[in-house]
All heavy atoms as atom14 arrays in JSON, in Angstrom:
{
  "sequence": "ARIRAVLRRFGHAGGSAQSEAGADAVTGGVLAFGDLEIDT",
  "atom14_mask": [
    [1, 1, 1, 1, 1, 0, 0, 0, 0, 0, 0, 0, 0, 0],
    [1, 1, 1, 1, 1, 1, 1, 1, 1, 1, 1, 0, 0, 0],
    [1, 1, 1, 1, 1, 1, 1, 1, 0, 0, 0, 0, 0, 0],
    [1, 1, 1, 1, 1, 1, 1, 1, 1, 1, 1, 0, 0, 0],
    [1, 1, 1, 1, 1, 0, 0, 0, 0, 0, 0, 0, 0, 0],
    [1, 1, 1, 1, 1, 1, 1, 0, 0, 0, 0, 0, 0, 0],
    [1, 1, 1, 1, 1, 1, 1, 1, 0, 0, 0, 0, 0, 0],
    [1, 1, 1, 1, 1, 1, 1, 1, 1, 1, 1, 0, 0, 0],
    [1, 1, 1, 1, 1, 1, 1, 1, 1, 1, 1, 0, 0, 0],
    [1, 1, 1, 1, 1, 1, 1, 1, 1, 1, 1, 0, 0, 0],
    [1, 1, 1, 1, 0, 0, 0, 0, 0, 0, 0, 0, 0, 0],
    [1, 1, 1, 1, 1, 1, 1, 1, 1, 1, 0, 0, 0, 0],
    [1, 1, 1, 1, 1, 0, 0, 0, 0, 0, 0, 0, 0, 0],
    [1, 1, 1, 1, 0, 0, 0, 0, 0, 0, 0, 0, 0, 0],
    [1, 1, 1, 1, 0, 0, 0, 0, 0, 0, 0, 0, 0, 0],
    [1, 1, 1, 1, 1, 1, 0, 0, 0, 0, 0, 0, 0, 0],
    [1, 1, 1, 1, 1, 0, 0, 0, 0, 0, 0, 0, 0, 0],
    [1, 1, 1, 1, 1, 1, 1, 1, 1, 0, 0, 0, 0, 0],
    [1, 1, 1, 1, 1, 1, 0, 0, 0, 0, 0, 0, 0, 0],
    [1, 1, 1, 1, 1, 1, 1, 1, 1, 0, 0, 0, 0, 0],
    [1, 1, 1, 1, 1, 0, 0, 0, 0, 0, 0, 0, 0, 0],
    [1, 1, 1, 1, 0, 0, 0, 0, 0, 0, 0, 0, 0, 0],
    [1, 1, 1, 1, 1, 0, 0, 0, 0, 0, 0, 0, 0, 0],
    [1, 1, 1, 1, 1, 1, 1, 1, 0, 0, 0, 0, 0, 0],
    [1, 1, 1, 1, 1, 0, 0, 0, 0, 0, 0, 0, 0, 0],
    [1, 1, 1, 1, 1, 1, 1, 0, 0, 0, 0, 0, 0, 0],
    [1, 1, 1, 1, 1, 1, 1, 0, 0, 0, 0, 0, 0, 0],
    [1, 1, 1, 1, 0, 0, 0, 0, 0, 0, 0, 0, 0, 0],
    [1, 1, 1, 1, 0, 0, 0, 0, 0, 0, 0, 0, 0, 0],
    [1, 1, 1, 1, 1, 1, 1, 0, 0, 0, 0, 0, 0, 0],
    [1, 1, 1, 1, 1, 1, 1, 1, 0, 0, 0, 0, 0, 0],
    [1, 1, 1, 1, 1, 0, 0, 0, 0, 0, 0, 0, 0, 0],
    [1, 1, 1, 1, 1, 1, 1, 1, 1, 1, 1, 0, 0, 0],
    [1, 1, 1, 1, 0, 0, 0, 0, 0, 0, 0, 0, 0, 0],
    [1, 1, 1, 1, 1, 1, 1, 1, 0, 0, 0, 0, 0, 0],
    [1, 1, 1, 1, 1, 1, 1, 1, 0, 0, 0, 0, 0, 0],
    [1, 1, 1, 1, 1, 1, 1, 1, 1, 0, 0, 0, 0, 0],
    [1, 1, 1, 1, 1, 1, 1, 1, 0, 0, 0, 0, 0, 0],
    [1, 1, 1, 1, 1, 1, 1, 1, 0, 0, 0, 0, 0, 0],
    [1, 1, 1, 1, 1, 1, 1, 0, 0, 0, 0, 0, 0, 0]
  ],
  "atom14_positions": [
    [[46.02, 4.72, 20.03], [45.01, 3.92, 19.25], [43.66, 4.7, 19.12], [43.09, 4.65, 18.07], [44.85, 2.55, 19.9], [0.0, 0.0, 0.0], [0.0, 0.0, 0.0], [0.0, 0.0, 0.0], [0.0, 0.0, 0.0], [0.0, 0.0, 0.0], [0.0, 0.0, 0.0], [0.0, 0.0, 0.0], [0.0, 0.0, 0.0], [0.0, 0.0, 0.0]],
    [[43.3, 5.3, 20.3], [41.95, 6.03, 20.2], [42.08, 7.26, 19.29], [41.15, 7.56, 18.58], [41.57, 6.4, 21.62], [41.38, 5.25, 22.55], [39.98, 4.49, 22.23], [38.93, 5.1, 22.87], [38.51, 4.74, 24.22], [39.25, 3.82, 24.88], [37.51, 5.45, 24.79], [0.0, 0.0, 0.0], [0.0, 0.0, 0.0], [0.0, 0.0, 0.0]],
    [[43.22, 7.86, 19.39], [43.41, 9.17, 18.48], [43.32, 8.69, 17.09], [42.66, 9.29, 16.24], [44.79, 9.79, 18.81], [44.67, 10.42, 20.2], [45.13, 10.83, 17.74], [46.03, 10.99, 20.65], [0.0, 0.0, 0.0], [0.0, 0.0, 0.0], [0.0, 0.0, 0.0], [0.0, 0.0, 0.0], [0.0, 0.0, 0.0], [0.0, 0.0, 0.0]],
    [[44.02, 7.58, 16.72], [44.03, 7.12, 15.3], [42.67, 6.67, 14.82], [42.25, 6.92, 13.79], [45.14, 6.13, 15.12], [46.5, 6.53, 15.32], [47.58, 5.6, 14.81], [48.96, 5.89, 15.15], [49.65, 6.8, 14.61], [49.12, 7.62, 13.73], [50.9, 7.02, 15.09], [0.0, 0.0, 0.0], [0.0, 0.0, 0.0], [0.0, 0.0, 0.0]],
    [[41.85, 6.04, 15.81], [40.6, 5.56, 15.38], [39.72, 6.79, 15.13], [38.94, 6.77, 14.14], [40.0, 4.75, 16.57], [0.0, 0.0, 0.0], [0.0, 0.0, 0.0], [0.0, 0.0, 0.0], [0.0, 0.0, 0.0], [0.0, 0.0, 0.0], [0.0, 0.0, 0.0], [0.0, 0.0, 0.0], [0.0, 0.0, 0.0], [0.0, 0.0, 0.0]],
    [[39.79, 7.87, 15.94], [38.92, 9.05, 15.68], [39.38, 9.65, 14.39], [38.53, 10.09, 13.45], [39.07, 10.06, 16.86], [38.48, 11.39, 16.51], [38.47, 9.5, 18.13], [0.0, 0.0, 0.0], [0.0, 0.0, 0.0], [0.0, 0.0, 0.0], [0.0, 0.0, 0.0], [0.0, 0.0, 0.0], [0.0, 0.0, 0.0], [0.0, 0.0, 0.0]],
    [[40.69, 9.76, 14.1], [41.21, 10.43, 12.92], [40.74, 9.64, 11.68], [40.38, 10.26, 10.58], [42.63, 10.6, 12.97], [43.22, 11.61, 13.97], [44.68, 11.59, 14.07], [42.7, 13.04, 13.59], [0.0, 0.0, 0.0], [0.0, 0.0, 0.0], [0.0, 0.0, 0.0], [0.0, 0.0, 0.0], [0.0, 0.0, 0.0], [0.0, 0.0, 0.0]],
    [[40.69, 8.27, 11.79], [40.37, 7.4, 10.69], [38.85, 7.73, 10.23], [38.58, 7.93, 9.07], [40.49, 6.03, 10.93], [41.87, 5.45, 10.76], [41.92, 3.91, 10.63], [41.38, 3.35, 11.81], [42.07, 3.02, 12.92], [43.34, 3.4, 12.96], [41.46, 2.46, 13.93], [0.0, 0.0, 0.0], [0.0, 0.0, 0.0], [0.0, 0.0, 0.0]],
    [[38.01, 7.79, 11.22], [36.66, 7.98, 10.87], [36.32, 9.49, 10.49], [35.45, 9.71, 9.66], [35.68, 7.52, 11.96], [35.71, 8.44, 13.25], [34.56, 7.95, 14.18], [34.42, 8.62, 15.4], [35.06, 8.4, 16.58], [35.75, 7.3, 16.66], [34.88, 9.1, 17.68], [0.0, 0.0, 0.0], [0.0, 0.0, 0.0], [0.0, 0.0, 0.0]],
    [[37.13, 10.36, 10.89], [37.0, 11.77, 10.39], [37.52, 11.86, 9.06], [37.08, 12.79, 8.24], [37.69, 12.7, 11.38], [36.76, 13.2, 12.49], [36.22, 12.3, 13.42], [36.51, 14.64, 12.59], [35.36, 12.75, 14.41], [35.68, 15.02, 13.72], [35.12, 14.17, 14.63], [0.0, 0.0, 0.0], [0.0, 0.0, 0.0], [0.0, 0.0, 0.0]],
    [[38.41, 11.12, 8.7], [39.07, 11.18, 7.39], [38.24, 10.64, 6.24], [38.39, 10.98, 5.13], [0.0, 0.0, 0.0], [0.0, 0.0, 0.0], [0.0, 0.0, 0.0], [0.0, 0.0, 0.0], [0.0, 0.0, 0.0], [0.0, 0.0, 0.0], [0.0, 0.0, 0.0], [0.0, 0.0, 0.0], [0.0, 0.0, 0.0], [0.0, 0.0, 0.0]],
    [[37.23, 9.75, 6.57], [36.34, 9.31, 5.59], [34.94, 9.15, 6.15], [34.4, 8.13, 6.28], [36.84, 7.95, 4.99], [37.11, 6.9, 5.98], [38.33, 6.85, 6.61], [36.32, 5.85, 6.49], [38.29, 5.82, 7.47], [37.08, 5.29, 7.32], [0.0, 0.0, 0.0], [0.0, 0.0, 0.0], [0.0, 0.0, 0.0], [0.0, 0.0, 0.0]],
    [[34.37, 10.38, 6.54], [33.09, 10.34, 7.2], [31.98, 9.7, 6.35], [31.01, 9.13, 6.91], [32.69, 11.77, 7.55], [0.0, 0.0, 0.0], [0.0, 0.0, 0.0], [0.0, 0.0, 0.0], [0.0, 0.0, 0.0], [0.0, 0.0, 0.0], [0.0, 0.0, 0.0], [0.0, 0.0, 0.0], [0.0, 0.0, 0.0], [0.0, 0.0, 0.0]],
    [[32.18, 9.76, 5.02], [31.07, 9.18, 4.18], [31.11, 7.66, 4.23], [30.08, 6.98, 4.16], [0.0, 0.0, 0.0], [0.0, 0.0, 0.0], [0.0, 0.0, 0.0], [0.0, 0.0, 0.0], [0.0, 0.0, 0.0], [0.0, 0.0, 0.0], [0.0, 0.0, 0.0], [0.0, 0.0, 0.0], [0.0, 0.0, 0.0], [0.0, 0.0, 0.0]],
    [[32.39, 7.11, 4.29], [32.46, 5.64, 4.26], [31.71, 5.05, 3.1], [31.58, 5.61, 2.02], [0.0, 0.0, 0.0], [0.0, 0.0, 0.0], [0.0, 0.0, 0.0], [0.0, 0.0, 0.0], [0.0, 0.0, 0.0], [0.0, 0.0, 0.0], [0.0, 0.0, 0.0], [0.0, 0.0, 0.0], [0.0, 0.0, 0.0], [0.0, 0.0, 0.0]],
    [[31.13, 3.9, 3.36], [30.27, 3.22, 2.35], [28.93, 2.99, 2.89], [28.12, 2.16, 2.4], [30.9, 1.92, 1.95], [31.05, 1.07, 3.02], [0.0, 0.0, 0.0], [0.0, 0.0, 0.0], [0.0, 0.0, 0.0], [0.0, 0.0, 0.0], [0.0, 0.0, 0.0], [0.0, 0.0, 0.0], [0.0, 0.0, 0.0], [0.0, 0.0, 0.0]],
    [[28.52, 3.67, 3.94], [27.3, 3.44, 4.61], [26.14, 4.14, 3.93], [25.76, 5.25, 4.29], [27.34, 3.88, 6.07], [0.0, 0.0, 0.0], [0.0, 0.0, 0.0], [0.0, 0.0, 0.0], [0.0, 0.0, 0.0], [0.0, 0.0, 0.0], [0.0, 0.0, 0.0], [0.0, 0.0, 0.0], [0.0, 0.0, 0.0], [0.0, 0.0, 0.0]],
    [[25.72, 3.53, 2.91], [24.53, 4.1, 2.22], [23.7, 2.91, 1.54], [24.33, 1.96, 1.13], [24.88, 5.16, 1.13], [25.98, 4.73, 0.26], [26.26, 5.87, -0.76], [25.49, 6.18, -1.62], [27.46, 6.38, -0.6], [0.0, 0.0, 0.0], [0.0, 0.0, 0.0], [0.0, 0.0, 0.0], [0.0, 0.0, 0.0], [0.0, 0.0, 0.0]],
    [[22.42, 3.09, 1.49], [21.6, 1.98, 0.91], [20.31, 2.64, 0.47], [19.84, 3.65, 0.94], [21.33, 1.02, 2.04], [20.28, 0.1, 1.63], [0.0, 0.0, 0.0], [0.0, 0.0, 0.0], [0.0, 0.0, 0.0], [0.0, 0.0, 0.0], [0.0, 0.0, 0.0], [0.0, 0.0, 0.0], [0.0, 0.0, 0.0], [0.0, 0.0, 0.0]],
    [[19.7, 1.96, -0.57], [18.43, 2.39, -1.03], [17.23, 1.86, -0.17], [16.15, 2.23, -0.31], [18.27, 2.05, -2.5], [19.27, 2.79, -3.42], [19.11, 2.43, -4.88], [18.12, 1.76, -5.19], [19.96, 2.77, -5.69], [0.0, 0.0, 0.0], [0.0, 0.0, 0.0], [0.0, 0.0, 0.0], [0.0, 0.0, 0.0], [0.0, 0.0, 0.0]],
    [[17.51, 0.8, 0.54], [16.42, 0.12, 1.29], [15.66, 1.01, 2.19], [16.31, 1.72, 2.95], [17.02, -1.15, 2.01], [0.0, 0.0, 0.0], [0.0, 0.0, 0.0], [0.0, 0.0, 0.0], [0.0, 0.0, 0.0], [0.0, 0.0, 0.0], [0.0, 0.0, 0.0], [0.0, 0.0, 0.0], [0.0, 0.0, 0.0], [0.0, 0.0, 0.0]],
    [[14.42, 1.03, 1.99], [13.62, 1.79, 3.0], [13.48, 3.31, 2.74], [12.67, 3.93, 3.44], [0.0, 0.0, 0.0], [0.0, 0.0, 0.0], [0.0, 0.0, 0.0], [0.0, 0.0, 0.0], [0.0, 0.0, 0.0], [0.0, 0.0, 0.0], [0.0, 0.0, 0.0], [0.0, 0.0, 0.0], [0.0, 0.0, 0.0], [0.0, 0.0, 0.0]],
    [[14.24, 3.8, 1.9], [14.09, 5.21, 1.71], [12.95, 5.57, 0.82], [12.59, 4.82, -0.07], [15.49, 5.79, 1.01], [0.0, 0.0, 0.0], [0.0, 0.0, 0.0], [0.0, 0.0, 0.0], [0.0, 0.0, 0.0], [0.0, 0.0, 0.0], [0.0, 0.0, 0.0], [0.0, 0.0, 0.0], [0.0, 0.0, 0.0], [0.0, 0.0, 0.0]],
    [[12.39, 6.74, 1.05], [11.23, 7.18, 0.33], [11.7, 7.49, -1.13], [11.02, 7.3, -2.13], [10.57, 8.46, 0.86], [10.0, 8.15, 2.3], [9.69, 6.93, 2.49], [9.84, 9.08, 3.03], [0.0, 0.0, 0.0], [0.0, 0.0, 0.0], [0.0, 0.0, 0.0], [0.0, 0.0, 0.0], [0.0, 0.0, 0.0], [0.0, 0.0, 0.0]],
    [[12.94, 8.03, -1.31], [13.44, 8.31, -2.63], [14.88, 8.38, -2.56], [15.51, 8.77, -1.6], [12.89, 9.75, -3.02], [0.0, 0.0, 0.0], [0.0, 0.0, 0.0], [0.0, 0.0, 0.0], [0.0, 0.0, 0.0], [0.0, 0.0, 0.0], [0.0, 0.0, 0.0], [0.0, 0.0, 0.0], [0.0, 0.0, 0.0], [0.0, 0.0, 0.0]],
    [[15.57, 8.03, -3.7], [17.01, 8.09, -3.73], [17.24, 8.72, -5.11], [17.01, 8.26, -6.17], [17.57, 6.64, -3.75], [19.09, 6.86, -3.82], [17.18, 5.89, -2.44], [0.0, 0.0, 0.0], [0.0, 0.0, 0.0], [0.0, 0.0, 0.0], [0.0, 0.0, 0.0], [0.0, 0.0, 0.0], [0.0, 0.0, 0.0], [0.0, 0.0, 0.0]],
    [[17.94, 9.96, -5.0], [18.23, 10.59, -6.32], [19.65, 11.19, -6.13], [19.9, 12.07, -5.3], [17.24, 11.78, -6.56], [15.9, 11.19, -6.56], [17.52, 12.4, -7.88], [0.0, 0.0, 0.0], [0.0, 0.0, 0.0], [0.0, 0.0, 0.0], [0.0, 0.0, 0.0], [0.0, 0.0, 0.0], [0.0, 0.0, 0.0], [0.0, 0.0, 0.0]],
    [[20.59, 10.76, -6.92], [21.93, 11.27, -6.89], [22.52, 11.17, -5.56], [23.27, 12.14, -5.17], [0.0, 0.0, 0.0], [0.0, 0.0, 0.0], [0.0, 0.0, 0.0], [0.0, 0.0, 0.0], [0.0, 0.0, 0.0], [0.0, 0.0, 0.0], [0.0, 0.0, 0.0], [0.0, 0.0, 0.0], [0.0, 0.0, 0.0], [0.0, 0.0, 0.0]],
    [[22.41, 10.04, -4.87], [22.97, 9.88, -3.55], [22.2, 10.5, -2.49], [22.76, 10.54, -1.27], [0.0, 0.0, 0.0], [0.0, 0.0, 0.0], [0.0, 0.0, 0.0], [0.0, 0.0, 0.0], [0.0, 0.0, 0.0], [0.0, 0.0, 0.0], [0.0, 0.0, 0.0], [0.0, 0.0, 0.0], [0.0, 0.0, 0.0], [0.0, 0.0, 0.0]],
    [[20.99, 10.98, -2.68], [20.25, 11.65, -1.62], [19.19, 10.6, -1.12], [18.39, 10.04, -1.88], [19.53, 12.84, -2.14], [18.54, 13.44, -1.01], [20.61, 13.9, -2.53], [0.0, 0.0, 0.0], [0.0, 0.0, 0.0], [0.0, 0.0, 0.0], [0.0, 0.0, 0.0], [0.0, 0.0, 0.0], [0.0, 0.0, 0.0], [0.0, 0.0, 0.0]],
    [[19.24, 10.29, 0.21], [18.24, 9.45, 0.8], [17.21, 10.33, 1.47], [17.55, 11.34, 2.12], [18.84, 8.52, 1.8], [20.09, 7.71, 1.44], [20.62, 6.87, 2.62], [19.74, 6.75, 0.39], [0.0, 0.0, 0.0], [0.0, 0.0, 0.0], [0.0, 0.0, 0.0], [0.0, 0.0, 0.0], [0.0, 0.0, 0.0], [0.0, 0.0, 0.0]],
    [[15.85, 9.83, 1.38], [14.85, 10.68, 2.03], [14.09, 9.9, 2.95], [13.61, 8.75, 2.58], [13.94, 11.32, 0.87], [0.0, 0.0, 0.0], [0.0, 0.0, 0.0], [0.0, 0.0, 0.0], [0.0, 0.0, 0.0], [0.0, 0.0, 0.0], [0.0, 0.0, 0.0], [0.0, 0.0, 0.0], [0.0, 0.0, 0.0], [0.0, 0.0, 0.0]],
    [[13.86, 10.33, 4.11], [13.0, 9.67, 5.17], [12.12, 10.76, 5.71], [12.44, 11.51, 6.56], [13.9, 9.09, 6.33], [14.9, 8.08, 5.84], [16.2, 8.52, 5.53], [14.61, 6.76, 5.7], [17.13, 7.6, 5.09], [15.53, 5.83, 5.32], [16.79, 6.22, 4.98], [0.0, 0.0, 0.0], [0.0, 0.0, 0.0], [0.0, 0.0, 0.0]],
    [[10.93, 10.78, 5.14], [9.94, 11.87, 5.48], [10.55, 13.24, 5.15], [10.95, 13.39, 3.95], [0.0, 0.0, 0.0], [0.0, 0.0, 0.0], [0.0, 0.0, 0.0], [0.0, 0.0, 0.0], [0.0, 0.0, 0.0], [0.0, 0.0, 0.0], [0.0, 0.0, 0.0], [0.0, 0.0, 0.0], [0.0, 0.0, 0.0], [0.0, 0.0, 0.0]],
    [[10.69, 14.05, 6.1], [11.18, 15.46, 5.83], [12.78, 15.53, 5.95], [13.31, 16.59, 5.91], [10.55, 16.53, 6.73], [10.91, 16.36, 8.16], [11.55, 15.31, 8.56], [10.58, 17.28, 8.93], [0.0, 0.0, 0.0], [0.0, 0.0, 0.0], [0.0, 0.0, 0.0], [0.0, 0.0, 0.0], [0.0, 0.0, 0.0], [0.0, 0.0, 0.0]],
    [[13.3, 14.36, 6.22], [14.8, 14.2, 6.44], [15.38, 13.82, 5.14], [15.15, 12.72, 4.61], [15.02, 13.31, 7.52], [16.57, 13.1, 7.92], [17.12, 14.37, 8.53], [16.78, 11.93, 8.84], [0.0, 0.0, 0.0], [0.0, 0.0, 0.0], [0.0, 0.0, 0.0], [0.0, 0.0, 0.0], [0.0, 0.0, 0.0], [0.0, 0.0, 0.0]],
    [[16.36, 14.54, 4.69], [17.13, 14.19, 3.46], [18.62, 14.2, 3.83], [19.16, 14.99, 4.42], [16.96, 15.33, 2.37], [15.54, 15.41, 1.82], [15.47, 16.43, 0.74], [16.41, 17.25, 0.54], [14.42, 16.43, 0.02], [0.0, 0.0, 0.0], [0.0, 0.0, 0.0], [0.0, 0.0, 0.0], [0.0, 0.0, 0.0], [0.0, 0.0, 0.0]],
    [[19.28, 13.06, 3.27], [20.72, 12.81, 3.59], [21.45, 12.73, 2.26], [21.18, 11.79, 1.48], [20.9, 11.49, 4.41], [19.98, 11.57, 5.68], [22.37, 11.26, 4.76], [19.88, 10.16, 6.32], [0.0, 0.0, 0.0], [0.0, 0.0, 0.0], [0.0, 0.0, 0.0], [0.0, 0.0, 0.0], [0.0, 0.0, 0.0], [0.0, 0.0, 0.0]],
    [[22.28, 13.61, 1.96], [23.05, 13.61, 0.82], [24.33, 12.9, 1.09], [25.29, 13.39, 1.7], [23.47, 15.02, 0.37], [24.18, 15.13, -1.01], [24.76, 14.09, -1.37], [24.29, 16.26, -1.56], [0.0, 0.0, 0.0], [0.0, 0.0, 0.0], [0.0, 0.0, 0.0], [0.0, 0.0, 0.0], [0.0, 0.0, 0.0], [0.0, 0.0, 0.0]],
    [[24.44, 11.59, 0.65], [25.5, 10.75, 0.99], [26.81, 11.02, 0.17], [27.84, 10.55, 0.59], [25.19, 9.26, 0.83], [24.86, 9.03, -0.57], [23.95, 8.89, 1.61], [0.0, 0.0, 0.0], [0.0, 0.0, 0.0], [0.0, 0.0, 0.0], [0.0, 0.0, 0.0], [0.0, 0.0, 0.0], [0.0, 0.0, 0.0], [0.0, 0.0, 0.0]]
  ]
}
């Protein structure tokens, strides 16, 4: 069960965890928090 759980999250690391709330800017799936940019 633990192996399968790890493999599941590695298989779709992007998931659906993204939001525009609170980000300084959102452009083409890129979230910006100060000097940190996350390309979702």
